[in-house]
C-alpha atoms as a PDB file:
ATOM      1  CA  MET A   1      13.710  18.698  32.601  1.00  0.00           C
ATOM      2  CA  GLY A   2      16.643  17.927  30.301  1.00  0.00           C
ATOM      3  CA  ASP A   3      18.758  14.812  30.054  1.00  0.00           C
ATOM      4  CA  VAL A   4      21.371  14.757  32.814  1.00  0.00           C
ATOM      5  CA  GLY A   5      22.980  11.453  31.779  1.00  0.00           C
ATOM      6  CA  TRP A   6      26.105  13.243  30.598  1.00  0.00           C
ATOM      7  CA  LEU A   7      26.465  14.824  34.045  1.00  0.00           C
ATOM      8  CA  LEU A   8      26.178  11.445  35.770  1.00  0.00           C
ATOM      9  CA  ASP A   9      28.700   9.912  33.352  1.00  0.00           C
ATOM     10  CA  THR A  10      31.112  12.737  34.119  1.00  0.00           C
ATOM     11  CA  ALA A  11      30.641  12.610  37.891  1.00  0.00           C
ATOM     12  CA  PHE A  12      30.484   8.801  38.128  1.00  0.00           C
ATOM     13  CA  PRO A  13      32.527   7.303  35.283  1.00  0.00           C
ATOM     14  CA  LEU A  14      31.981   3.702  36.409  1.00  0.00           C
ATOM     15  CA  ARG A  15      29.600   1.604  34.354  1.00  0.00           C
ATOM     16  CA  ASP A  16      26.923  -0.665  35.801  1.00  0.00           C
ATOM     17  CA  THR A  17      29.197  -3.692  35.461  1.00  0.00           C
ATOM     18  CA  ASP A  18      31.910  -1.937  37.437  1.00  0.00           C
ATOM     19  CA  HIS A  19      29.464  -1.062  40.212  1.00  0.00           C
ATOM     20  CA  MET A  20      28.248  -4.665  40.332  1.00  0.00           C
ATOM     21  CA  LYS A  21      31.815  -5.956  40.455  1.00  0.00           C
ATOM     22  CA  ILE A  22      32.745  -3.662  43.336  1.00  0.00           C
ATOM     23  CA  THR A  23      29.534  -4.537  45.176  1.00  0.00           C
ATOM     24  CA  LEU A  24      30.139  -8.274  44.747  1.00  0.00           C
ATOM     25  CA  PHE A  25      33.720  -7.926  46.039  1.00  0.00           C
ATOM     26  CA  ILE A  26      32.550  -5.999  49.108  1.00  0.00           C
ATOM     27  CA  VAL A  27      29.623  -8.302  49.911  1.00  0.00           C
ATOM     28  CA  GLY A  28      31.766 -11.387  49.278  1.00  0.00           C
ATOM     29  CA  GLY A  29      34.508 -10.103  51.562  1.00  0.00           C
ATOM     30  CA  VAL A  30      32.040  -9.320  54.341  1.00  0.00           C
ATOM     31  CA  LEU A  31      30.465 -12.781  54.029  1.00  0.00           C
ATOM     32  CA  ILE A  32      33.886 -14.444  54.183  1.00  0.00           C
ATOM     33  CA  LEU A  33      34.778 -12.434  57.276  1.00  0.00           C
ATOM     34  CA  PHE A  34      31.500 -13.180  59.067  1.00  0.00           C
ATOM     35  CA  GLY A  35      31.636 -16.835  58.048  1.00  0.00           C
ATOM     36  CA  LEU A  36      35.136 -17.270  59.413  1.00  0.00           C
ATOM     37  CA  VAL A  37      34.280 -15.537  62.679  1.00  0.00           C
ATOM     38  CA  TRP A  38      31.167 -17.673  63.125  1.00  0.00           C
ATOM     39  CA  ALA A  39      33.084 -20.869  62.335  1.00  0.00           C
ATOM     40  CA  LEU A  40      35.864 -19.962  64.767  1.00  0.00           C
ATOM     41  CA  GLN A  41      33.273 -19.233  67.437  1.00  0.00           C
ATOM     42  CA  GLY A  42      31.624 -22.571  66.719  1.00  0.00           C
ATOM     43  CA  PHE A  43      34.951 -24.335  67.184  1.00  0.00           C
ATOM     44  CA  GLY A  44      35.414 -22.463  70.475  1.00  0.00           C
ATOM     45  CA  ILE A  45      38.542 -20.642  69.262  1.00  0.00           C
ATOM     46  CA  LEU A  46      36.851 -17.238  69.684  1.00  0.00           C
ATOM     47  CA  PRO A  47      35.135 -17.483  73.075  1.00  0.00           C
ATOM     48  CA  GLY A  48      32.794 -15.032  74.735  1.00  0.00           C
ATOM     49  CA  SER A  49      29.705 -15.451  72.596  1.00  0.00           C
ATOM     50  CA  ALA A  50      26.489 -17.438  72.744  1.00  0.00           C
ATOM     51  CA  MET A  51      27.770 -19.148  69.576  1.00  0.00           C
ATOM     52  CA  SER A  52      30.997 -20.325  71.209  1.00  0.00           C
ATOM     53  CA  GLY A  53      31.354 -24.071  71.303  1.00  0.00           C
ATOM     54  CA  HIS A  54      28.208 -24.832  69.283  1.00  0.00           C
ATOM     55  CA  ARG A  55      29.037 -26.970  66.244  1.00  0.00           C
ATOM     56  CA  ARG A  56      25.994 -25.616  64.384  1.00  0.00           C
ATOM     57  CA  TRP A  57      27.889 -22.322  63.918  1.00  0.00           C
ATOM     58  CA  VAL A  58      30.804 -24.143  62.340  1.00  0.00           C
ATOM     59  CA  LEU A  59      28.447 -25.348  59.603  1.00  0.00           C
ATOM     60  CA  ILE A  60      26.634 -22.011  59.232  1.00  0.00           C
ATOM     61  CA  GLY A  61      29.908 -20.090  59.167  1.00  0.00           C
ATOM     62  CA  GLY A  62      31.419 -22.453  56.637  1.00  0.00           C
ATOM     63  CA  VAL A  63      28.439 -22.130  54.306  1.00  0.00           C
ATOM     64  CA  VAL A  64      28.432 -18.328  54.599  1.00  0.00           C
ATOM     65  CA  ALA A  65      32.183 -18.182  53.898  1.00  0.00           C
ATOM     66  CA  VAL A  66      31.797 -20.422  50.832  1.00  0.00           C
ATOM     67  CA  VAL A  67      29.025 -18.176  49.493  1.00  0.00           C
ATOM     68  CA  GLY A  68      31.388 -15.236  49.998  1.00  0.00           C
ATOM     69  CA  VAL A  69      34.134 -16.995  48.044  1.00  0.00           C
ATOM     70  CA  VAL A  70      31.681 -17.746  45.214  1.00  0.00           C
ATOM     71  CA  LEU A  71      30.744 -14.056  45.037  1.00  0.00           C
ATOM     72  CA  GLU A  72      34.419 -13.077  44.959  1.00  0.00           C
ATOM     73  CA  VAL A  73      35.093 -15.510  42.110  1.00  0.00           C
ATOM     74  CA  LEU A  74      32.063 -14.244  40.169  1.00  0.00           C
ATOM     75  CA  ALA A  75      33.221 -10.667  40.635  1.00  0.00           C
ATOM     76  CA  ALA A  76      36.742 -11.517  39.497  1.00  0.00           C
ATOM     77  CA  ARG A  77      35.400 -13.187  36.349  1.00  0.00           C
ATOM     78  CA  MET A  78      33.125 -10.295  35.370  1.00  0.00           C
ATOM     79  CA  LYS A  79      34.227  -8.499  32.241  1.00  0.00           C
ATOM     80  CA  LYS A  80      34.475  -4.742  31.986  1.00  0.00           C
ATOM     81  CA  LYS A  81      32.147  -2.976  29.611  1.00  0.00           C
END
């Protein structure tokens, strides 16, 4: 079977670094969102969950949100190839 790299480059012009950057932005954004929701539930601002009012979720949510911010910063600092 012949080399199909040219076909992949034509169909998907993004380089590996671009894919990683997009992935990091998406994962970071999701972690920030989940972290904030969990923290708000821990504070009791978002009621209706087993997590509501439990301070442990404030800590867990805060840590998850910070990890998300770190991923966003890393993605923003990545250089294009």
